[in-house]
C-alpha atoms as a PDB file:
ATOM      1  CA  MET A   1       7.827  18.885  -8.818  1.00  0.00           C
ATOM      2  CA  PRO A   2      11.285  19.734  -9.807  1.00  0.00           C
ATOM      3  CA  GLY A   3      12.373  18.380 -13.237  1.00  0.00           C
ATOM      4  CA  GLY A   4      15.585  17.219 -14.344  1.00  0.00           C
ATOM      5  CA  THR A   5      17.279  13.848 -14.947  1.00  0.00           C
ATOM      6  CA  GLY A   6      19.926  11.724 -13.254  1.00  0.00           C
ATOM      7  CA  CYS A   7      21.158  12.151  -9.718  1.00  0.00           C
ATOM      8  CA  SER A   8      20.291  16.012  -9.536  1.00  0.00           C
ATOM      9  CA  GLY A   9      16.823  15.225 -10.625  1.00  0.00           C
ATOM     10  CA  GLU A  10      16.326  12.507  -8.003  1.00  0.00           C
ATOM     11  CA  VAL A  11      17.840  14.744  -5.325  1.00  0.00           C
ATOM     12  CA  GLU A  12      15.654  17.729  -5.835  1.00  0.00           C
ATOM     13  CA  ARG A  13      12.567  15.654  -6.367  1.00  0.00           C
ATOM     14  CA  PHE A  14      13.039  14.052  -2.878  1.00  0.00           C
ATOM     15  CA  GLN A  15      13.848  17.411  -1.180  1.00  0.00           C
ATOM     16  CA  ALA A  16      10.671  18.781  -2.514  1.00  0.00           C
ATOM     17  CA  VAL A  17       8.592  15.772  -1.259  1.00  0.00           C
ATOM     18  CA  ILE A  18      10.222  16.186   2.159  1.00  0.00           C
ATOM     19  CA  ASP A  19       9.673  19.670   2.152  1.00  0.00           C
ATOM     20  CA  ASN A  20       6.036  19.230   1.309  1.00  0.00           C
ATOM     21  CA  ASP A  21       5.596  16.626   4.009  1.00  0.00           C
ATOM     22  CA  VAL A  22       7.017  19.115   6.789  1.00  0.00           C
ATOM     23  CA  ALA A  23       4.891  21.788   5.351  1.00  0.00           C
ATOM     24  CA  THR A  24       1.626  19.669   5.362  1.00  0.00           C
ATOM     25  CA  GLY A  25       2.255  18.215   8.990  1.00  0.00           C
ATOM     26  CA  HIS A  26       2.953  14.738   7.470  1.00  0.00           C
ATOM     27  CA  THR A  27       6.219  14.632   9.273  1.00  0.00           C
ATOM     28  CA  THR A  28       8.139  16.600  11.958  1.00  0.00           C
ATOM     29  CA  LYS A  29      10.719  19.236  11.680  1.00  0.00           C
ATOM     30  CA  GLY A  30      13.338  16.907  13.401  1.00  0.00           C
ATOM     31  CA  VAL A  31      12.633  14.453  10.674  1.00  0.00           C
ATOM     32  CA  HIS A  32      12.627  16.883   7.907  1.00  0.00           C
ATOM     33  CA  ASP A  33      16.231  18.049   9.311  1.00  0.00           C
ATOM     34  CA  ARG A  34      17.731  14.643   9.268  1.00  0.00           C
ATOM     35  CA  VAL A  35      16.460  13.678   5.724  1.00  0.00           C
ATOM     36  CA  SER A  36      17.452  17.194   4.586  1.00  0.00           C
ATOM     37  CA  SER A  37      20.997  16.484   5.774  1.00  0.00           C
ATOM     38  CA  GLU A  38      21.263  13.183   4.027  1.00  0.00           C
ATOM     39  CA  ILE A  39      19.606  14.801   0.703  1.00  0.00           C
ATOM     40  CA  ALA A  40      22.471  17.298   1.018  1.00  0.00           C
ATOM     41  CA  ARG A  41      25.208  14.726   1.322  1.00  0.00           C
ATOM     42  CA  ALA A  42      23.753  13.165  -1.816  1.00  0.00           C
ATOM     43  CA  ARG A  43      23.688  16.542  -3.409  1.00  0.00           C
ATOM     44  CA  THR A  44      27.351  16.704  -2.964  1.00  0.00           C
ATOM     45  CA  THR A  45      28.030  13.346  -4.339  1.00  0.00           C
ATOM     46  CA  CYS A  46      26.025  13.953  -7.251  1.00  0.00           C
ATOM     47  CA  ALA A  47      27.857  17.508  -7.849  1.00  0.00           C
ATOM     48  CA  ALA A  48      31.125  15.694  -7.648  1.00  0.00           C
ATOM     49  CA  GLY A  49      29.964  13.337 -10.622  1.00  0.00           C
ATOM     50  CA  ASN A  50      29.210  10.203  -8.645  1.00  0.00           C
ATOM     51  CA  GLU A  51      25.749   9.633 -10.111  1.00  0.00           C
ATOM     52  CA  ALA A  52      25.283   5.992  -8.987  1.00  0.00           C
ATOM     53  CA  GLY A  53      26.643   6.856  -5.640  1.00  0.00           C
ATOM     54  CA  ALA A  54      24.228   9.695  -5.246  1.00  0.00           C
ATOM     55  CA  ILE A  55      21.183   7.594  -6.469  1.00  0.00           C
ATOM     56  CA  GLY A  56      22.056   4.898  -3.959  1.00  0.00           C
ATOM     57  CA  GLN A  57      22.297   7.483  -1.039  1.00  0.00           C
ATOM     58  CA  ILE A  58      18.867   8.707  -1.912  1.00  0.00           C
ATOM     59  CA  ARG A  59      17.368   5.110  -2.139  1.00  0.00           C
ATOM     60  CA  ALA A  60      18.964   4.407   1.161  1.00  0.00           C
ATOM     61  CA  THR A  61      17.685   7.552   2.757  1.00  0.00           C
ATOM     62  CA  LYS A  62      14.020   6.994   1.377  1.00  0.00           C
ATOM     63  CA  ALA A  63      14.138   3.210   2.839  1.00  0.00           C
ATOM     64  CA  ARG A  64      15.550   4.435   6.031  1.00  0.00           C
ATOM     65  CA  PHE A  65      12.646   6.879   6.625  1.00  0.00           C
ATOM     66  CA  GLY A  66       9.864   5.018   5.046  1.00  0.00           C
ATOM     67  CA  TYR A  67       9.489   6.526   1.579  1.00  0.00           C
ATOM     68  CA  PRO A  68       8.880   4.607  -1.425  1.00  0.00           C
ATOM     69  CA  GLY A  69      11.815   3.724  -3.457  1.00  0.00           C
END
């Protein structure tokens, strides 16, 4: 599991989870692609220095796709 703190850690950990879920058959490629797209937006928000916004985006994506918070 990727380390890191703040929004970058949150983004990379959730990407690792969704990558693992598609690799092990727990989700479909279509869901993986949609979630990864949302994670990419959060990654951009984080890189722009908006930590709270990026973490909020990750939490919203998790809730939308049924991942714990």
